[in-house]
């Protein structure tokens, strides 16, 4: 089971999480988020992350030009589109050789048929919980909604996953799921992750 740790911000905490070697580390470039990774941060702080870890920039309804600029500045391996971005934007980014993770915010009446239209233009899907915010709501959606459905891209499971959920994650079997995305439930404060809790969780879901 692969692990994506999202919402990192502080330099020393970034280094400590990177030492755990999760498959992905996410940095939020949405100014409305309390985990906003300020663009004034020195790009070298991200460039020094081990090459085995994929750096993900998280964007919410951002202009494509800004996404491309920040991807180049921080040498992001993926851009994660967490808002209401269109298929056309994903197509345009793919034409720029940008690897896209497209997020879908799931609720009980979510129409999964819209997911497949993004397939040709994205590398991964991510299923998160629909809520008042575009992300970081700290709530878990009904994973049973995914049961019996197949997707043309592999996906990450997100939304309200905490340190106590390792066995629950392992018990959820889906042929297209390759890992989980964690954020707020592993924090000591917004943007600062509990490294010990992450390490134990990582070991438990391996």
N, C-alpha and C. Protein backbone atom coordinates (compact mmCIF):
# COMPACT_ATOMS: atom_id res chain seq x y z
N UNK A 1 0.85 -1.20 0.00
CA UNK A 1 0.00 0.00 0.00
C UNK A 1 0.88 1.25 0.00
N UNK A 2 0.67 2.12 -0.97
CA UNK A 2 1.47 3.33 -1.09
C UNK A 2 0.88 4.46 -0.25
N UNK A 3 1.75 5.44 0.06
CA UNK A 3 1.34 6.51 0.96
C UNK A 3 1.65 7.87 0.34
N UNK A 4 0.66 8.75 0.37
CA UNK A 4 0.84 10.15 0.01
C UNK A 4 0.55 10.99 1.25
N UNK A 5 1.50 11.82 1.62
CA UNK A 5 1.33 12.73 2.75
C UNK A 5 1.16 14.12 2.19
N UNK A 6 0.02 14.73 2.47
CA UNK A 6 -0.31 16.01 1.85
C UNK A 6 -0.40 17.13 2.90
N UNK A 7 -0.25 18.36 2.41
CA UNK A 7 -0.40 19.52 3.28
C UNK A 7 0.84 19.87 4.06
N UNK A 8 2.01 19.53 3.54
CA UNK A 8 3.26 19.85 4.22
C UNK A 8 3.63 21.31 3.96
N UNK A 9 4.32 21.91 4.94
CA UNK A 9 4.61 23.34 4.80
C UNK A 9 5.93 23.76 5.43
N UNK A 10 6.20 23.29 6.64
CA UNK A 10 7.35 23.80 7.39
C UNK A 10 8.63 23.02 7.06
N UNK A 11 9.72 23.75 6.91
CA UNK A 11 10.94 23.16 6.38
C UNK A 11 11.43 21.93 7.13
N UNK A 12 11.56 22.03 8.44
CA UNK A 12 12.09 20.90 9.21
C UNK A 12 11.13 19.72 9.19
N UNK A 13 9.84 20.00 9.21
CA UNK A 13 8.83 18.94 9.14
C UNK A 13 8.87 18.26 7.78
N UNK A 14 9.08 19.04 6.73
CA UNK A 14 9.22 18.48 5.38
C UNK A 14 10.40 17.50 5.35
N UNK A 15 11.50 17.88 5.93
CA UNK A 15 12.68 17.01 5.96
C UNK A 15 12.41 15.72 6.72
N UNK A 16 11.72 15.85 7.86
CA UNK A 16 11.46 14.69 8.70
C UNK A 16 10.51 13.71 8.01
N UNK A 17 9.49 14.24 7.33
CA UNK A 17 8.57 13.36 6.60
C UNK A 17 9.28 12.73 5.41
N UNK A 18 10.11 13.50 4.73
CA UNK A 18 10.84 12.96 3.58
C UNK A 18 11.73 11.78 3.99
N UNK A 19 12.22 11.80 5.21
CA UNK A 19 13.06 10.71 5.69
C UNK A 19 12.31 9.40 5.78
N UNK A 20 10.98 9.46 5.84
CA UNK A 20 10.16 8.25 5.88
C UNK A 20 9.99 7.64 4.49
N UNK A 21 10.33 8.39 3.46
CA UNK A 21 10.23 7.95 2.07
C UNK A 21 8.81 7.53 1.67
N UNK A 22 7.81 8.37 1.91
CA UNK A 22 6.50 8.08 1.33
C UNK A 22 6.60 8.19 -0.19
N UNK A 23 5.66 7.59 -0.90
CA UNK A 23 5.74 7.63 -2.36
C UNK A 23 5.48 9.04 -2.92
N UNK A 24 4.62 9.80 -2.23
CA UNK A 24 4.30 11.16 -2.67
C UNK A 24 4.29 12.10 -1.46
N UNK A 25 4.71 13.34 -1.69
CA UNK A 25 4.55 14.41 -0.71
C UNK A 25 3.83 15.56 -1.39
N UNK A 26 2.76 16.05 -0.74
CA UNK A 26 1.92 17.07 -1.35
C UNK A 26 2.09 18.44 -0.72
N UNK A 27 2.14 19.47 -1.56
CA UNK A 27 2.33 20.85 -1.13
C UNK A 27 1.19 21.69 -1.72
N UNK A 28 0.45 22.35 -0.86
CA UNK A 28 -0.77 23.02 -1.27
C UNK A 28 -0.49 24.45 -1.72
N UNK A 29 -0.85 24.73 -2.96
CA UNK A 29 -0.66 26.06 -3.53
C UNK A 29 -2.00 26.77 -3.70
N UNK A 30 -2.84 26.64 -2.71
CA UNK A 30 -4.12 27.34 -2.68
C UNK A 30 -4.10 28.28 -1.48
N UNK A 31 -4.17 29.58 -1.74
CA UNK A 31 -3.98 30.58 -0.69
C UNK A 31 -5.04 30.50 0.40
N UNK A 32 -6.18 29.91 0.09
CA UNK A 32 -7.25 29.82 1.09
C UNK A 32 -7.01 28.74 2.13
N UNK A 33 -6.02 27.88 1.90
CA UNK A 33 -5.76 26.77 2.81
C UNK A 33 -4.85 27.18 3.96
N UNK A 34 -5.12 26.68 5.19
CA UNK A 34 -4.20 26.94 6.30
C UNK A 34 -2.87 26.21 6.11
N UNK A 35 -2.81 25.34 5.12
CA UNK A 35 -1.58 24.59 4.81
C UNK A 35 -0.90 25.14 3.55
N UNK A 36 -1.22 26.38 3.23
CA UNK A 36 -0.69 27.02 2.03
C UNK A 36 0.83 27.04 2.06
N UNK A 37 1.42 26.42 1.03
CA UNK A 37 2.87 26.43 0.91
C UNK A 37 3.25 27.70 0.16
N UNK A 38 3.58 28.73 0.90
CA UNK A 38 3.79 30.05 0.34
C UNK A 38 4.76 30.02 -0.84
N UNK A 39 4.39 30.69 -1.91
CA UNK A 39 5.25 30.70 -3.09
C UNK A 39 6.58 31.41 -2.82
N UNK A 40 6.64 32.15 -1.70
CA UNK A 40 7.90 32.81 -1.33
C UNK A 40 8.92 31.82 -0.78
N UNK A 41 8.48 30.59 -0.52
CA UNK A 41 9.43 29.60 -0.02
C UNK A 41 10.52 29.37 -1.07
N UNK A 42 11.70 29.13 -0.60
CA UNK A 42 12.83 28.88 -1.50
C UNK A 42 12.59 27.57 -2.26
N UNK A 43 12.53 27.62 -3.60
CA UNK A 43 12.31 26.39 -4.36
C UNK A 43 13.31 25.29 -4.05
N UNK A 44 14.52 25.68 -3.66
CA UNK A 44 15.54 24.68 -3.37
C UNK A 44 15.12 23.74 -2.24
N UNK A 45 14.23 24.21 -1.36
CA UNK A 45 13.78 23.37 -0.25
C UNK A 45 13.04 22.14 -0.77
N UNK A 46 12.35 22.28 -1.90
CA UNK A 46 11.69 21.13 -2.50
C UNK A 46 12.62 20.36 -3.43
N UNK A 47 13.49 21.07 -4.08
CA UNK A 47 14.39 20.40 -5.01
C UNK A 47 15.32 19.43 -4.31
N UNK A 48 15.55 19.63 -3.02
CA UNK A 48 16.46 18.77 -2.27
C UNK A 48 15.80 17.49 -1.77
N UNK A 49 14.50 17.34 -1.98
CA UNK A 49 13.82 16.11 -1.56
C UNK A 49 14.31 14.94 -2.40
N UNK A 50 14.47 13.81 -1.76
CA UNK A 50 14.97 12.61 -2.44
C UNK A 50 14.19 12.33 -3.72
N UNK A 51 14.92 11.97 -4.76
CA UNK A 51 14.28 11.73 -6.06
C UNK A 51 13.30 10.57 -6.06
N UNK A 52 13.38 9.71 -5.05
CA UNK A 52 12.46 8.57 -4.99
C UNK A 52 11.06 9.00 -4.56
N UNK A 53 10.93 10.22 -4.07
CA UNK A 53 9.64 10.75 -3.62
C UNK A 53 9.09 11.70 -4.68
N UNK A 54 7.86 11.47 -5.09
CA UNK A 54 7.23 12.35 -6.07
C UNK A 54 6.65 13.58 -5.36
N UNK A 55 7.01 14.74 -5.87
CA UNK A 55 6.52 16.00 -5.32
C UNK A 55 5.23 16.40 -6.04
N UNK A 56 4.20 16.67 -5.27
CA UNK A 56 2.88 16.97 -5.81
C UNK A 56 2.47 18.38 -5.40
N UNK A 57 2.13 19.20 -6.37
CA UNK A 57 1.57 20.51 -6.09
C UNK A 57 0.06 20.45 -6.17
N UNK A 58 -0.62 20.91 -5.13
CA UNK A 58 -2.08 20.84 -5.05
C UNK A 58 -2.67 22.20 -5.39
N UNK A 59 -3.58 22.21 -6.36
CA UNK A 59 -4.18 23.46 -6.84
C UNK A 59 -5.70 23.36 -6.81
N UNK A 60 -6.35 24.48 -6.54
CA UNK A 60 -7.81 24.53 -6.49
C UNK A 60 -8.29 25.65 -7.41
N UNK A 61 -8.83 25.26 -8.56
CA UNK A 61 -9.41 26.22 -9.50
C UNK A 61 -8.43 27.34 -9.85
N UNK A 62 -7.18 26.95 -10.04
CA UNK A 62 -6.13 27.92 -10.38
C UNK A 62 -6.05 28.08 -11.89
N UNK A 63 -5.57 29.25 -12.33
CA UNK A 63 -5.33 29.46 -13.75
C UNK A 63 -4.24 28.50 -14.24
N UNK A 64 -4.44 27.98 -15.43
CA UNK A 64 -3.47 27.01 -15.96
C UNK A 64 -2.07 27.59 -16.05
N UNK A 65 -1.95 28.82 -16.43
CA UNK A 65 -0.63 29.44 -16.55
C UNK A 65 0.10 29.47 -15.22
N UNK A 66 -0.64 29.71 -14.12
CA UNK A 66 -0.04 29.72 -12.79
C UNK A 66 0.38 28.32 -12.37
N UNK A 67 -0.44 27.34 -12.69
CA UNK A 67 -0.09 25.95 -12.40
C UNK A 67 1.22 25.58 -13.10
N UNK A 68 1.31 25.92 -14.36
CA UNK A 68 2.50 25.57 -15.15
C UNK A 68 3.73 26.28 -14.60
N UNK A 69 3.57 27.55 -14.25
CA UNK A 69 4.71 28.31 -13.72
C UNK A 69 5.22 27.72 -12.41
N UNK A 70 4.30 27.39 -11.50
CA UNK A 70 4.71 26.83 -10.21
C UNK A 70 5.28 25.42 -10.38
N UNK A 71 4.74 24.68 -11.31
CA UNK A 71 5.31 23.36 -11.56
C UNK A 71 6.77 23.47 -12.00
N UNK A 72 7.04 24.42 -12.87
CA UNK A 72 8.40 24.59 -13.35
C UNK A 72 9.32 25.12 -12.25
N UNK A 73 8.82 26.07 -11.47
CA UNK A 73 9.64 26.67 -10.41
C UNK A 73 10.05 25.64 -9.37
N UNK A 74 9.08 24.80 -8.97
CA UNK A 74 9.34 23.84 -7.90
C UNK A 74 9.63 22.43 -8.42
N UNK A 75 9.72 22.30 -9.74
CA UNK A 75 10.00 21.00 -10.37
C UNK A 75 9.09 19.91 -9.80
N UNK A 76 7.80 20.19 -9.85
CA UNK A 76 6.80 19.25 -9.33
C UNK A 76 6.66 18.06 -10.27
N UNK A 77 6.58 16.87 -9.69
CA UNK A 77 6.40 15.67 -10.50
C UNK A 77 4.96 15.48 -10.94
N UNK A 78 4.03 15.97 -10.11
CA UNK A 78 2.60 15.90 -10.41
C UNK A 78 1.96 17.23 -10.03
N UNK A 79 0.87 17.56 -10.73
CA UNK A 79 -0.02 18.60 -10.23
C UNK A 79 -1.35 17.92 -9.89
N UNK A 80 -1.85 18.23 -8.73
CA UNK A 80 -3.11 17.66 -8.25
C UNK A 80 -4.18 18.73 -8.35
N UNK A 81 -5.20 18.45 -9.15
CA UNK A 81 -6.28 19.40 -9.35
C UNK A 81 -7.43 19.04 -8.43
N UNK A 82 -7.66 19.88 -7.44
CA UNK A 82 -8.56 19.54 -6.34
C UNK A 82 -9.86 20.34 -6.38
N UNK A 83 -10.07 21.06 -7.48
CA UNK A 83 -11.27 21.88 -7.58
C UNK A 83 -12.24 21.38 -8.63
N UNK A 84 -12.76 22.32 -9.42
CA UNK A 84 -13.75 22.00 -10.46
C UNK A 84 -13.13 22.08 -11.85
N UNK A 85 -11.87 21.71 -11.94
CA UNK A 85 -11.15 21.83 -13.21
C UNK A 85 -11.78 20.94 -14.28
N UNK A 86 -11.70 21.41 -15.51
CA UNK A 86 -12.37 20.73 -16.62
C UNK A 86 -11.50 19.67 -17.27
N UNK A 87 -12.15 18.83 -18.06
CA UNK A 87 -11.43 17.87 -18.89
C UNK A 87 -10.48 18.61 -19.83
N UNK A 88 -10.93 19.75 -20.36
CA UNK A 88 -10.12 20.52 -21.29
C UNK A 88 -8.83 21.00 -20.65
N UNK A 89 -8.90 21.41 -19.39
CA UNK A 89 -7.67 21.84 -18.70
C UNK A 89 -6.72 20.66 -18.53
N UNK A 90 -7.26 19.53 -18.18
CA UNK A 90 -6.41 18.34 -18.02
C UNK A 90 -5.76 17.96 -19.35
N UNK A 91 -6.53 18.07 -20.43
CA UNK A 91 -5.99 17.78 -21.76
C UNK A 91 -4.85 18.73 -22.09
N UNK A 92 -5.05 20.01 -21.81
CA UNK A 92 -4.03 21.00 -22.11
C UNK A 92 -2.76 20.76 -21.31
N UNK A 93 -2.91 20.40 -20.04
CA UNK A 93 -1.74 20.12 -19.21
C UNK A 93 -1.00 18.88 -19.71
N UNK A 94 -1.74 17.88 -20.12
CA UNK A 94 -1.10 16.67 -20.65
C UNK A 94 -0.29 17.00 -21.91
N UNK A 95 -0.81 17.90 -22.72
CA UNK A 95 -0.09 18.31 -23.92
C UNK A 95 1.22 19.00 -23.58
N UNK A 96 1.31 19.51 -22.35
CA UNK A 96 2.56 20.11 -21.86
C UNK A 96 3.42 19.08 -21.13
N UNK A 97 3.03 17.80 -21.23
CA UNK A 97 3.73 16.70 -20.54
C UNK A 97 3.67 16.83 -19.03
N UNK A 98 2.55 17.37 -18.54
CA UNK A 98 2.33 17.49 -17.10
C UNK A 98 1.54 16.29 -16.60
N UNK A 99 2.04 15.65 -15.56
CA UNK A 99 1.34 14.51 -14.95
C UNK A 99 0.30 15.04 -13.97
N UNK A 100 -0.95 14.65 -14.18
CA UNK A 100 -2.07 15.19 -13.40
C UNK A 100 -2.69 14.12 -12.51
N UNK A 101 -2.95 14.49 -11.26
CA UNK A 101 -3.81 13.72 -10.36
C UNK A 101 -5.12 14.49 -10.27
N UNK A 102 -6.22 13.88 -10.68
CA UNK A 102 -7.51 14.58 -10.61
C UNK A 102 -8.31 14.07 -9.42
N UNK A 103 -8.76 15.02 -8.61
CA UNK A 103 -9.52 14.72 -7.40
C UNK A 103 -11.01 14.80 -7.68
N UNK A 104 -11.73 13.85 -7.12
CA UNK A 104 -13.19 13.86 -7.18
C UNK A 104 -13.73 13.81 -5.76
N UNK A 105 -14.62 14.73 -5.44
CA UNK A 105 -15.17 14.84 -4.09
C UNK A 105 -16.47 14.04 -4.05
N UNK A 106 -16.44 12.95 -3.30
CA UNK A 106 -17.51 11.95 -3.35
C UNK A 106 -18.54 12.18 -2.25
N UNK A 107 -19.80 12.05 -2.64
CA UNK A 107 -20.92 12.07 -1.70
C UNK A 107 -21.88 10.95 -2.11
N UNK A 108 -22.93 10.75 -1.35
CA UNK A 108 -23.80 9.60 -1.56
C UNK A 108 -24.46 9.57 -2.93
N UNK A 109 -24.61 10.74 -3.57
CA UNK A 109 -25.25 10.79 -4.89
C UNK A 109 -24.25 11.16 -5.99
N UNK A 110 -22.98 10.94 -5.72
CA UNK A 110 -21.95 11.28 -6.70
C UNK A 110 -22.12 10.45 -7.98
N UNK A 111 -21.99 11.12 -9.13
CA UNK A 111 -22.13 10.47 -10.43
C UNK A 111 -20.75 10.02 -10.91
N UNK A 112 -20.44 8.75 -10.72
CA UNK A 112 -19.12 8.24 -11.09
C UNK A 112 -18.90 8.21 -12.59
N UNK A 113 -19.95 8.40 -13.39
CA UNK A 113 -19.77 8.36 -14.84
C UNK A 113 -18.90 9.51 -15.34
N UNK A 114 -18.80 10.60 -14.57
CA UNK A 114 -18.00 11.74 -15.01
C UNK A 114 -16.50 11.45 -14.93
N UNK A 115 -16.13 10.45 -14.13
CA UNK A 115 -14.72 10.19 -13.88
C UNK A 115 -14.00 9.77 -15.15
N UNK A 116 -14.62 8.90 -15.92
CA UNK A 116 -13.92 8.31 -17.06
C UNK A 116 -13.58 9.31 -18.15
N UNK A 117 -14.30 10.42 -18.24
CA UNK A 117 -13.99 11.42 -19.27
C UNK A 117 -12.61 12.04 -19.06
N UNK A 118 -12.08 11.95 -17.83
CA UNK A 118 -10.75 12.49 -17.54
C UNK A 118 -9.63 11.49 -17.83
N UNK A 119 -9.98 10.25 -18.04
CA UNK A 119 -9.00 9.17 -18.11
C UNK A 119 -7.84 9.43 -19.07
N UNK A 120 -8.08 9.87 -20.30
CA UNK A 120 -6.95 10.01 -21.23
C UNK A 120 -5.92 11.05 -20.82
N UNK A 121 -6.26 11.91 -19.87
CA UNK A 121 -5.43 13.09 -19.61
C UNK A 121 -4.83 13.13 -18.21
N UNK A 122 -5.07 12.11 -17.41
CA UNK A 122 -4.56 12.10 -16.04
C UNK A 122 -3.82 10.80 -15.76
N UNK A 123 -2.96 10.86 -14.75
CA UNK A 123 -2.19 9.68 -14.36
C UNK A 123 -2.88 8.89 -13.25
N UNK A 124 -3.52 9.62 -12.35
CA UNK A 124 -4.16 9.00 -11.19
C UNK A 124 -5.45 9.72 -10.86
N UNK A 125 -6.40 8.98 -10.30
CA UNK A 125 -7.57 9.58 -9.68
C UNK A 125 -7.34 9.62 -8.17
N UNK A 126 -8.00 10.55 -7.50
CA UNK A 126 -8.01 10.58 -6.04
C UNK A 126 -9.44 10.85 -5.60
N UNK A 127 -9.97 9.97 -4.76
CA UNK A 127 -11.33 10.13 -4.26
C UNK A 127 -11.28 10.66 -2.84
N UNK A 128 -11.87 11.85 -2.66
CA UNK A 128 -11.88 12.54 -1.38
C UNK A 128 -13.34 12.72 -0.96
N UNK A 129 -13.53 13.25 0.22
CA UNK A 129 -14.87 13.45 0.76
C UNK A 129 -15.41 14.82 0.38
N UNK A 130 -16.61 14.87 -0.14
CA UNK A 130 -17.26 16.14 -0.41
C UNK A 130 -17.58 16.83 0.92
N UNK A 131 -17.37 18.14 0.98
CA UNK A 131 -17.64 18.89 2.21
C UNK A 131 -17.68 20.37 1.92
N UNK A 132 -17.71 21.16 2.97
CA UNK A 132 -17.78 22.62 2.81
C UNK A 132 -16.53 23.16 2.13
N UNK A 133 -15.40 22.51 2.38
CA UNK A 133 -14.14 22.94 1.78
C UNK A 133 -13.79 22.03 0.61
N UNK A 134 -12.89 22.50 -0.26
CA UNK A 134 -12.47 21.66 -1.37
C UNK A 134 -11.60 20.50 -0.90
N UNK A 135 -11.01 20.63 0.26
CA UNK A 135 -10.20 19.56 0.83
C UNK A 135 -9.97 19.84 2.30
N UNK A 136 -9.42 18.85 3.00
CA UNK A 136 -9.12 19.05 4.41
C UNK A 136 -10.32 19.11 5.33
N UNK A 137 -11.42 18.48 4.90
CA UNK A 137 -12.61 18.47 5.75
C UNK A 137 -12.49 17.49 6.92
N UNK A 138 -11.55 16.55 6.81
CA UNK A 138 -11.33 15.61 7.91
C UNK A 138 -12.42 14.58 8.07
N UNK A 139 -13.20 14.35 7.02
CA UNK A 139 -14.32 13.41 7.09
C UNK A 139 -14.11 12.27 6.10
N UNK A 140 -14.62 11.12 6.45
CA UNK A 140 -14.51 9.95 5.58
C UNK A 140 -15.83 9.72 4.86
N UNK A 141 -15.77 9.53 3.55
CA UNK A 141 -16.99 9.21 2.82
C UNK A 141 -17.25 7.70 2.88
N UNK A 142 -18.38 7.28 2.38
CA UNK A 142 -18.76 5.88 2.40
C UNK A 142 -17.97 5.13 1.32
N UNK A 143 -16.92 4.43 1.72
CA UNK A 143 -16.07 3.73 0.75
C UNK A 143 -16.83 2.65 -0.02
N UNK A 144 -17.92 2.18 0.54
CA UNK A 144 -18.71 1.16 -0.15
C UNK A 144 -19.24 1.67 -1.49
N UNK A 145 -19.28 2.98 -1.67
CA UNK A 145 -19.73 3.54 -2.95
C UNK A 145 -18.79 3.14 -4.09
N UNK A 146 -17.56 2.80 -3.76
CA UNK A 146 -16.57 2.39 -4.77
C UNK A 146 -16.66 0.90 -5.11
N UNK A 147 -17.28 0.14 -4.22
CA UNK A 147 -17.34 -1.31 -4.39
C UNK A 147 -18.09 -1.67 -5.66
N UNK A 148 -17.48 -2.57 -6.44
CA UNK A 148 -18.12 -3.03 -7.67
C UNK A 148 -17.87 -2.15 -8.87
N UNK A 149 -17.24 -0.99 -8.67
CA UNK A 149 -16.94 -0.09 -9.78
C UNK A 149 -15.48 -0.28 -10.20
N UNK A 150 -15.24 -0.21 -11.50
CA UNK A 150 -13.88 -0.28 -12.01
C UNK A 150 -13.55 1.02 -12.73
N UNK A 151 -12.28 1.38 -12.68
CA UNK A 151 -11.84 2.64 -13.26
C UNK A 151 -10.68 2.39 -14.21
N UNK A 152 -10.51 3.29 -15.16
CA UNK A 152 -9.46 3.15 -16.16
C UNK A 152 -8.13 3.72 -15.69
N UNK A 153 -8.11 4.26 -14.51
CA UNK A 153 -6.88 4.70 -13.87
C UNK A 153 -6.89 4.21 -12.43
N UNK A 154 -5.71 3.97 -11.89
CA UNK A 154 -5.62 3.61 -10.48
C UNK A 154 -5.96 4.84 -9.64
N UNK A 155 -6.30 4.60 -8.38
CA UNK A 155 -6.68 5.74 -7.55
C UNK A 155 -6.09 5.66 -6.15
N UNK A 156 -6.05 6.84 -5.51
CA UNK A 156 -5.71 6.97 -4.11
C UNK A 156 -6.99 7.27 -3.34
N UNK A 157 -7.07 6.73 -2.15
CA UNK A 157 -8.23 6.94 -1.27
C UNK A 157 -7.88 8.01 -0.25
N UNK A 158 -8.77 8.98 -0.08
CA UNK A 158 -8.50 10.09 0.82
C UNK A 158 -9.76 10.45 1.59
N UNK A 159 -9.59 11.35 2.56
CA UNK A 159 -10.74 11.84 3.31
C UNK A 159 -10.85 11.27 4.71
N UNK A 160 -10.36 12.01 5.70
CA UNK A 160 -10.57 11.65 7.09
C UNK A 160 -9.83 10.43 7.58
N UNK A 161 -8.79 10.01 6.87
CA UNK A 161 -8.03 8.83 7.30
C UNK A 161 -7.05 9.24 8.39
N UNK A 162 -7.10 8.52 9.53
CA UNK A 162 -6.26 8.87 10.66
C UNK A 162 -5.37 7.72 11.12
N UNK A 163 -4.55 7.96 12.14
CA UNK A 163 -3.61 6.94 12.63
C UNK A 163 -4.28 5.65 13.06
N UNK A 164 -5.55 5.74 13.50
CA UNK A 164 -6.24 4.55 14.00
C UNK A 164 -6.90 3.74 12.88
N UNK A 165 -6.74 4.16 11.63
CA UNK A 165 -7.48 3.55 10.53
C UNK A 165 -6.67 2.57 9.68
N UNK A 166 -5.49 2.19 10.14
CA UNK A 166 -4.64 1.31 9.33
C UNK A 166 -5.34 -0.01 8.99
N UNK A 167 -5.95 -0.65 9.96
CA UNK A 167 -6.60 -1.93 9.69
C UNK A 167 -7.81 -1.74 8.79
N UNK A 168 -8.53 -0.64 8.95
CA UNK A 168 -9.67 -0.36 8.10
C UNK A 168 -9.23 -0.17 6.65
N UNK A 169 -8.13 0.53 6.47
CA UNK A 169 -7.58 0.74 5.12
C UNK A 169 -7.18 -0.60 4.50
N UNK A 170 -6.50 -1.42 5.28
CA UNK A 170 -6.04 -2.71 4.76
C UNK A 170 -7.21 -3.64 4.42
N UNK A 171 -8.29 -3.49 5.15
CA UNK A 171 -9.43 -4.38 4.92
C UNK A 171 -10.26 -3.97 3.71
N UNK A 172 -10.06 -2.71 3.24
CA UNK A 172 -10.80 -2.26 2.07
C UNK A 172 -10.06 -2.71 0.81
N UNK A 173 -10.66 -3.61 0.09
CA UNK A 173 -10.02 -4.17 -1.08
C UNK A 173 -10.69 -3.64 -2.35
N UNK A 174 -9.90 -3.03 -3.21
CA UNK A 174 -10.39 -2.59 -4.51
C UNK A 174 -9.25 -2.78 -5.51
N UNK A 175 -9.53 -3.39 -6.65
CA UNK A 175 -8.44 -3.70 -7.59
C UNK A 175 -7.75 -2.49 -8.19
N UNK A 176 -8.38 -1.32 -8.13
CA UNK A 176 -7.78 -0.12 -8.72
C UNK A 176 -7.15 0.81 -7.68
N UNK A 177 -7.28 0.48 -6.41
CA UNK A 177 -6.70 1.33 -5.37
C UNK A 177 -5.24 0.96 -5.13
N UNK A 178 -4.36 1.95 -5.18
CA UNK A 178 -2.94 1.66 -4.95
C UNK A 178 -2.39 2.29 -3.68
N UNK A 179 -3.19 3.13 -3.02
CA UNK A 179 -2.67 3.74 -1.81
C UNK A 179 -3.65 4.73 -1.21
N UNK A 180 -3.18 5.43 -0.18
CA UNK A 180 -4.01 6.39 0.53
C UNK A 180 -3.30 7.73 0.63
N UNK A 181 -4.11 8.75 0.77
CA UNK A 181 -3.64 10.12 0.93
C UNK A 181 -4.06 10.58 2.33
N UNK A 182 -3.11 11.04 3.12
CA UNK A 182 -3.44 11.47 4.48
C UNK A 182 -3.02 12.92 4.68
N UNK A 183 -3.71 13.57 5.62
CA UNK A 183 -3.43 14.98 5.84
C UNK A 183 -3.76 15.38 7.27
N UNK A 184 -4.95 15.95 7.49
CA UNK A 184 -5.24 16.68 8.73
C UNK A 184 -5.22 15.81 9.98
N UNK A 185 -5.59 14.53 9.88
CA UNK A 185 -5.64 13.69 11.08
C UNK A 185 -4.26 13.24 11.56
N UNK A 186 -3.23 13.62 10.81
CA UNK A 186 -1.86 13.30 11.22
C UNK A 186 -1.10 14.56 11.61
N UNK A 187 -1.82 15.59 12.02
CA UNK A 187 -1.18 16.87 12.31
C UNK A 187 -1.16 17.21 13.80
N UNK A 188 -0.11 17.92 14.18
CA UNK A 188 -0.06 18.53 15.50
C UNK A 188 -0.56 19.97 15.44
N UNK A 189 -0.49 20.56 14.25
CA UNK A 189 -1.07 21.87 13.94
C UNK A 189 -1.15 21.95 12.43
N UNK A 190 -1.95 22.86 11.86
CA UNK A 190 -2.10 22.89 10.41
C UNK A 190 -0.76 22.99 9.68
N UNK A 191 -0.51 22.01 8.82
CA UNK A 191 0.72 22.00 8.04
C UNK A 191 1.89 21.32 8.71
N UNK A 192 1.73 20.86 9.95
CA UNK A 192 2.81 20.20 10.68
C UNK A 192 2.38 18.77 11.01
N UNK A 193 3.08 17.79 10.44
CA UNK A 193 2.70 16.40 10.59
C UNK A 193 3.37 15.74 11.80
N UNK A 194 2.64 14.81 12.40
CA UNK A 194 3.15 13.98 13.49
C UNK A 194 3.96 12.86 12.85
N UNK A 195 5.26 13.00 12.83
CA UNK A 195 6.13 12.08 12.10
C UNK A 195 6.07 10.68 12.69
N UNK A 196 6.02 10.58 14.01
CA UNK A 196 5.96 9.26 14.65
C UNK A 196 4.68 8.53 14.27
N UNK A 197 3.56 9.25 14.24
CA UNK A 197 2.29 8.63 13.86
C UNK A 197 2.31 8.20 12.41
N UNK A 198 2.91 9.01 11.55
CA UNK A 198 3.02 8.65 10.14
C UNK A 198 3.88 7.40 9.94
N UNK A 199 4.98 7.34 10.68
CA UNK A 199 5.87 6.20 10.55
C UNK A 199 5.18 4.90 10.94
N UNK A 200 4.45 4.93 12.05
CA UNK A 200 3.75 3.74 12.49
C UNK A 200 2.66 3.35 11.48
N UNK A 201 1.90 4.31 11.01
CA UNK A 201 0.85 4.05 10.04
C UNK A 201 1.43 3.45 8.76
N UNK A 202 2.52 4.02 8.32
CA UNK A 202 3.20 3.53 7.11
C UNK A 202 3.60 2.07 7.27
N UNK A 203 4.12 1.73 8.42
CA UNK A 203 4.51 0.34 8.69
C UNK A 203 3.29 -0.57 8.72
N UNK A 204 2.20 -0.09 9.29
CA UNK A 204 1.01 -0.91 9.45
C UNK A 204 0.30 -1.21 8.14
N UNK A 205 0.36 -0.28 7.18
CA UNK A 205 -0.36 -0.51 5.93
C UNK A 205 0.53 -1.14 4.86
N UNK A 206 1.82 -1.27 5.15
CA UNK A 206 2.75 -1.80 4.15
C UNK A 206 2.35 -3.21 3.71
